[in-house]
Structures are given as structure tokens and as C-alpha cells.
Amino acid sequence: MEICPNITVREYVCPHMYAAFGDRAIRFIPEKTRILLNWARNDVWKVPIIINNAAMGLTQRGVRCNICQLVADKTKVNKLYLSAHNFAAGFDGSSTRMTADEMRDAILKNANKAPFKLRLESAKCAPTWCHTDYLCEYDQKEMVRVFDA
């Protein structure tokens, strides 16, 4: 089942969610996230992207549930972890046809066409992937803000 053209539920949710709900996990993906994924993938980049791909060892780049390793490790040490990934409000994408820098540049060049205010993780913090989300845009003046995680 596709979240939007060219991106399936399985590609976006973690393996734990997919094992529990299959394609019905789409119910946990907000409409705003579907709009973001469609805009970035199909309107801006226009190339295949990789979010989650278990065969490549990539499993926590879309939604992260409470038992995903990154979240579980923070919980074990009583550390608050409120990533856009936990709220299905963002994703880490990469492509064999564009570098992460090219992906970020394309988003920035199309900022005036963005469907709503977005954030991009900096190249310093995300050197080989493009993290895109809309979680913390409430005090943001620009359409696309680059941040350090």
C-alpha cells in the first residue's frame, strides 16, 4: 500500500510496526506527512529514494516506535527523546541518484513551493542522508530551516 505515489507503508514505518499492523500501519501516518513525502519525493527530487530498507540495514529512518533501538536506548537511561521520527512527522531519505547535499539543496531551492514550514538537518549532522520534518516549525519564520541535531 502506498502512502503517496512511489512510497509504500513498509518503506516508511519501522519493522516492528509493519510486523504488528502490515499495511494498516498507514493509520499512524498523518496526512501532513503524506503531503511532505509526496512533495519531496515526487515534486522536488523526482528520483527514487530510500527511507527504510531492512535488506540494507536501514530500519529507523521513518517512524520509530518505542522498541526501536534508538528510542529504547534513550528510554533505558531515562532520557527524553522527542524526535520527529517518533511522531511520524519526518524521515531520513537518501538516493542512489542524488547526494544528501543535492537533496538538501533541492529542498532549499524549492522552499517557496513547500506545502508548509519544514526543517532540514544540517550536512554536519546528517552527512549521508537528508532528514526532513515539520515537527518544530511553530517559531520558524523561514519556510525551510536548517538545524543541527
C-alpha atoms as a PDB file:
ATOM      1  CA  MET A   1       0.000   0.000   0.000  1.00  0.00           C
ATOM      2  CA  GLU A   2       1.334   3.416  -0.933  1.00  0.00           C
ATOM      3  CA  ILE A   3       1.417   6.415   1.414  1.00  0.00           C
ATOM      4  CA  CYS A   4       1.813   8.540  -1.686  1.00  0.00           C
ATOM      5  CA  PRO A   5       2.931   7.663  -5.207  1.00  0.00           C
ATOM      6  CA  ASN A   6       6.279   5.844  -5.087  1.00  0.00           C
ATOM      7  CA  ILE A   7       6.462   5.353  -1.276  1.00  0.00           C
ATOM      8  CA  THR A   8       4.926   2.375   0.492  1.00  0.00           C
ATOM      9  CA  VAL A   9       3.879   1.957   4.104  1.00  0.00           C
ATOM     10  CA  ARG A  10       6.573  -0.694   4.558  1.00  0.00           C
ATOM     11  CA  GLU A  11       9.244   1.792   3.438  1.00  0.00           C
ATOM     12  CA  TYR A  12       8.158   4.398   5.987  1.00  0.00           C
ATOM     13  CA  VAL A  13       7.246   2.574   9.198  1.00  0.00           C
ATOM     14  CA  CYS A  14       9.718   0.618  11.319  1.00  0.00           C
ATOM     15  CA  PRO A  15       9.767  -3.194  11.050  1.00  0.00           C
ATOM     16  CA  HIS A  16       8.054  -3.524  14.468  1.00  0.00           C
ATOM     17  CA  MET A  17       5.064  -1.505  13.291  1.00  0.00           C
ATOM     18  CA  TYR A  18       4.910  -3.314   9.988  1.00  0.00           C
ATOM     19  CA  ALA A  19       5.057  -6.712  11.702  1.00  0.00           C
ATOM     20  CA  ALA A  20       2.207  -5.714  14.013  1.00  0.00           C
ATOM     21  CA  PHE A  21      -0.055  -3.899  11.538  1.00  0.00           C
ATOM     22  CA  GLY A  22       1.162  -4.524   7.989  1.00  0.00           C
ATOM     23  CA  ASP A  23      -0.215  -2.009   5.529  1.00  0.00           C
ATOM     24  CA  ARG A  24      -2.809  -0.989   8.139  1.00  0.00           C
ATOM     25  CA  ALA A  25       0.031   0.955   9.828  1.00  0.00           C
ATOM     26  CA  ILE A  26      -0.929   3.697   7.383  1.00  0.00           C
ATOM     27  CA  ARG A  27      -3.402   4.820  10.064  1.00  0.00           C
ATOM     28  CA  PHE A  28      -0.458   6.110  12.135  1.00  0.00           C
ATOM     29  CA  ILE A  29       0.873   8.323   9.346  1.00  0.00           C
ATOM     30  CA  PRO A  30      -0.594  11.842   9.468  1.00  0.00           C
ATOM     31  CA  GLU A  31      -1.917  13.444   6.301  1.00  0.00           C
ATOM     32  CA  LYS A  32       0.677  16.202   6.669  1.00  0.00           C
ATOM     33  CA  THR A  33       3.441  13.579   6.488  1.00  0.00           C
ATOM     34  CA  ARG A  34       1.929  12.112   3.332  1.00  0.00           C
ATOM     35  CA  ILE A  35       1.904  15.589   1.797  1.00  0.00           C
ATOM     36  CA  LEU A  36       5.549  16.136   2.785  1.00  0.00           C
ATOM     37  CA  LEU A  37       6.671  12.775   1.385  1.00  0.00           C
ATOM     38  CA  ASN A  38       4.808  13.328  -1.876  1.00  0.00           C
ATOM     39  CA  TRP A  39       6.132  16.867  -2.325  1.00  0.00           C
ATOM     40  CA  ALA A  40       9.764  15.966  -1.545  1.00  0.00           C
ATOM     41  CA  ARG A  41       9.878  12.685  -3.486  1.00  0.00           C
ATOM     42  CA  ASN A  42       7.667  13.422  -6.472  1.00  0.00           C
ATOM     43  CA  ASP A  43       7.746  17.207  -6.925  1.00  0.00           C
ATOM     44  CA  VAL A  44      11.256  18.174  -5.809  1.00  0.00           C
ATOM     45  CA  TRP A  45      13.692  15.270  -6.076  1.00  0.00           C
ATOM     46  CA  LYS A  46      11.906  13.284  -8.789  1.00  0.00           C
ATOM     47  CA  VAL A  47      14.165  10.276  -8.177  1.00  0.00           C
ATOM     48  CA  PRO A  48      13.719   7.058  -6.204  1.00  0.00           C
ATOM     49  CA  ILE A  49      14.557   7.493  -2.530  1.00  0.00           C
ATOM     50  CA  ILE A  50      15.412   5.071   0.240  1.00  0.00           C
ATOM     51  CA  ILE A  51      13.849   5.514   3.653  1.00  0.00           C
ATOM     52  CA  ASN A  52      13.651   2.130   5.394  1.00  0.00           C
ATOM     53  CA  ASN A  53      15.128  -0.903   3.692  1.00  0.00           C
ATOM     54  CA  ALA A  54      15.800  -3.854   6.012  1.00  0.00           C
ATOM     55  CA  ALA A  55      17.985  -5.584   3.425  1.00  0.00           C
ATOM     56  CA  MET A  56      20.304  -2.560   3.564  1.00  0.00           C
ATOM     57  CA  GLY A  57      20.165  -2.438   7.376  1.00  0.00           C
ATOM     58  CA  LEU A  58      18.074   0.750   7.314  1.00  0.00           C
ATOM     59  CA  THR A  59      15.135   0.390   9.683  1.00  0.00           C
ATOM     60  CA  GLN A  60      14.784   3.576  11.760  1.00  0.00           C
ATOM     61  CA  ARG A  61      14.656   6.292   9.111  1.00  0.00           C
ATOM     62  CA  GLY A  62      10.882   6.775   9.016  1.00  0.00           C
ATOM     63  CA  VAL A  63       8.627   6.175  12.011  1.00  0.00           C
ATOM     64  CA  ARG A  64      10.446   4.947  15.117  1.00  0.00           C
ATOM     65  CA  CYS A  65       8.367   3.093  17.678  1.00  0.00           C
ATOM     66  CA  ASN A  66       9.132   2.700  21.365  1.00  0.00           C
ATOM     67  CA  ILE A  67      11.071  -0.537  20.835  1.00  0.00           C
ATOM     68  CA  CYS A  68      13.299   0.723  18.005  1.00  0.00           C
ATOM     69  CA  GLN A  69      16.892   0.724  19.246  1.00  0.00           C
ATOM     70  CA  LEU A  70      17.436   4.496  19.106  1.00  0.00           C
ATOM     71  CA  VAL A  71      14.315   5.138  21.181  1.00  0.00           C
ATOM     72  CA  ALA A  72      14.770   2.177  23.527  1.00  0.00           C
ATOM     73  CA  ASP A  73      18.354   3.184  24.341  1.00  0.00           C
ATOM     74  CA  LYS A  74      17.244   6.680  25.383  1.00  0.00           C
ATOM     75  CA  THR A  75      14.392   5.255  27.466  1.00  0.00           C
ATOM     76  CA  LYS A  76      16.731   2.855  29.301  1.00  0.00           C
ATOM     77  CA  VAL A  77      18.805   5.779  30.571  1.00  0.00           C
ATOM     78  CA  ASN A  78      15.715   7.856  31.388  1.00  0.00           C
ATOM     79  CA  LYS A  79      16.484  10.379  28.643  1.00  0.00           C
ATOM     80  CA  LEU A  80      13.637  12.187  26.925  1.00  0.00           C
ATOM     81  CA  TYR A  81      13.568  11.525  23.189  1.00  0.00           C
ATOM     82  CA  LEU A  82      11.091  13.540  21.147  1.00  0.00           C
ATOM     83  CA  SER A  83      12.260  13.157  17.577  1.00  0.00           C
ATOM     84  CA  ALA A  84      10.073  13.889  14.568  1.00  0.00           C
ATOM     85  CA  HIS A  85      10.505  10.187  13.810  1.00  0.00           C
ATOM     86  CA  ASN A  86       8.510   9.264  16.929  1.00  0.00           C
ATOM     87  CA  PHE A  87       5.581  11.351  15.744  1.00  0.00           C
ATOM     88  CA  ALA A  88       5.670  10.195  12.102  1.00  0.00           C
ATOM     89  CA  ALA A  89       6.445  13.815  11.227  1.00  0.00           C
ATOM     90  CA  GLY A  90       9.663  13.358   9.284  1.00  0.00           C
ATOM     91  CA  PHE A  91      12.070  10.981   7.618  1.00  0.00           C
ATOM     92  CA  ASP A  92      15.656  10.361   6.604  1.00  0.00           C
ATOM     93  CA  GLY A  93      15.962   9.860   2.875  1.00  0.00           C
ATOM     94  CA  SER A  94      18.803   9.024   0.547  1.00  0.00           C
ATOM     95  CA  SER A  95      19.105   8.197  -3.126  1.00  0.00           C
ATOM     96  CA  THR A  96      21.498   6.477  -5.458  1.00  0.00           C
ATOM     97  CA  ARG A  97      20.811   9.292  -7.941  1.00  0.00           C
ATOM     98  CA  MET A  98      21.414  12.321  -5.690  1.00  0.00           C
ATOM     99  CA  THR A  99      23.761  13.050  -2.824  1.00  0.00           C
ATOM    100  CA  ALA A 100      22.348  14.166   0.516  1.00  0.00           C
ATOM    101  CA  ASP A 101      23.707  17.659  -0.203  1.00  0.00           C
ATOM    102  CA  GLU A 102      21.923  17.717  -3.568  1.00  0.00           C
ATOM    103  CA  MET A 103      18.713  16.614  -1.864  1.00  0.00           C
ATOM    104  CA  ARG A 104      19.010  19.407   0.739  1.00  0.00           C
ATOM    105  CA  ASP A 105      19.861  21.964  -1.952  1.00  0.00           C
ATOM    106  CA  ALA A 106      16.806  20.954  -3.994  1.00  0.00           C
ATOM    107  CA  ILE A 107      14.530  21.413  -0.958  1.00  0.00           C
ATOM    108  CA  LEU A 108      16.090  24.817  -0.241  1.00  0.00           C
ATOM    109  CA  LYS A 109      15.751  25.907  -3.883  1.00  0.00           C
ATOM    110  CA  ASN A 110      12.058  24.949  -3.792  1.00  0.00           C
ATOM    111  CA  ALA A 111      11.347  26.393  -0.338  1.00  0.00           C
ATOM    112  CA  ASN A 112       8.840  28.873  -1.760  1.00  0.00           C
ATOM    113  CA  LYS A 113       6.814  25.911  -3.072  1.00  0.00           C
ATOM    114  CA  ALA A 114       6.917  23.905   0.165  1.00  0.00           C
ATOM    115  CA  PRO A 115       3.455  22.855   1.367  1.00  0.00           C
ATOM    116  CA  PHE A 116       4.237  24.176   4.883  1.00  0.00           C
ATOM    117  CA  LYS A 117       7.238  25.132   7.014  1.00  0.00           C
ATOM    118  CA  LEU A 118       9.942  22.459   7.086  1.00  0.00           C
ATOM    119  CA  ARG A 119      13.232  21.667   8.764  1.00  0.00           C
ATOM    120  CA  LEU A 120      16.327  20.060   7.241  1.00  0.00           C
ATOM    121  CA  GLU A 121      19.065  18.540   9.353  1.00  0.00           C
ATOM    122  CA  SER A 122      22.469  20.026   8.512  1.00  0.00           C
ATOM    123  CA  ALA A 123      25.103  18.194   6.475  1.00  0.00           C
ATOM    124  CA  LYS A 124      27.296  18.263   9.582  1.00  0.00           C
ATOM    125  CA  CYS A 125      24.764  16.118  11.470  1.00  0.00           C
ATOM    126  CA  ALA A 126      23.353  14.149   8.529  1.00  0.00           C
ATOM    127  CA  PRO A 127      26.242  13.682   6.093  1.00  0.00           C
ATOM    128  CA  THR A 128      24.825  10.830   4.000  1.00  0.00           C
ATOM    129  CA  TRP A 129      21.065  11.307   4.332  1.00  0.00           C
ATOM    130  CA  CYS A 130      18.556  14.123   4.104  1.00  0.00           C
ATOM    131  CA  HIS A 131      16.431  14.453   7.242  1.00  0.00           C
ATOM    132  CA  THR A 132      13.263  16.418   6.524  1.00  0.00           C
ATOM    133  CA  ASP A 133      10.485  17.153   9.020  1.00  0.00           C
ATOM    134  CA  TYR A 134       7.826  19.610  10.118  1.00  0.00           C
ATOM    135  CA  LEU A 135       7.759  18.929  13.857  1.00  0.00           C
ATOM    136  CA  CYS A 136       9.198  22.120  15.372  1.00  0.00           C
ATOM    137  CA  GLU A 137       8.254  24.834  12.909  1.00  0.00           C
ATOM    138  CA  TYR A 138       5.991  26.769  15.302  1.00  0.00           C
ATOM    139  CA  ASP A 139       8.523  29.615  15.898  1.00  0.00           C
ATOM    140  CA  GLN A 140      10.088  29.447  12.456  1.00  0.00           C
ATOM    141  CA  LYS A 141       9.904  32.451  10.154  1.00  0.00           C
ATOM    142  CA  GLU A 142      11.515  30.920   7.047  1.00  0.00           C
ATOM    143  CA  MET A 143       9.809  28.188   5.015  1.00  0.00           C
ATOM    144  CA  VAL A 144      12.809  25.849   5.359  1.00  0.00           C
ATOM    145  CA  ARG A 145      15.202  25.982   8.291  1.00  0.00           C
ATOM    146  CA  VAL A 146      18.466  24.045   8.503  1.00  0.00           C
ATOM    147  CA  PHE A 147      19.192  22.788  12.029  1.00  0.00           C
ATOM    148  CA  ASP A 148      21.830  20.835  13.924  1.00  0.00           C
ATOM    149  CA  ALA A 149      20.520  17.842  15.832  1.00  0.00           C
END
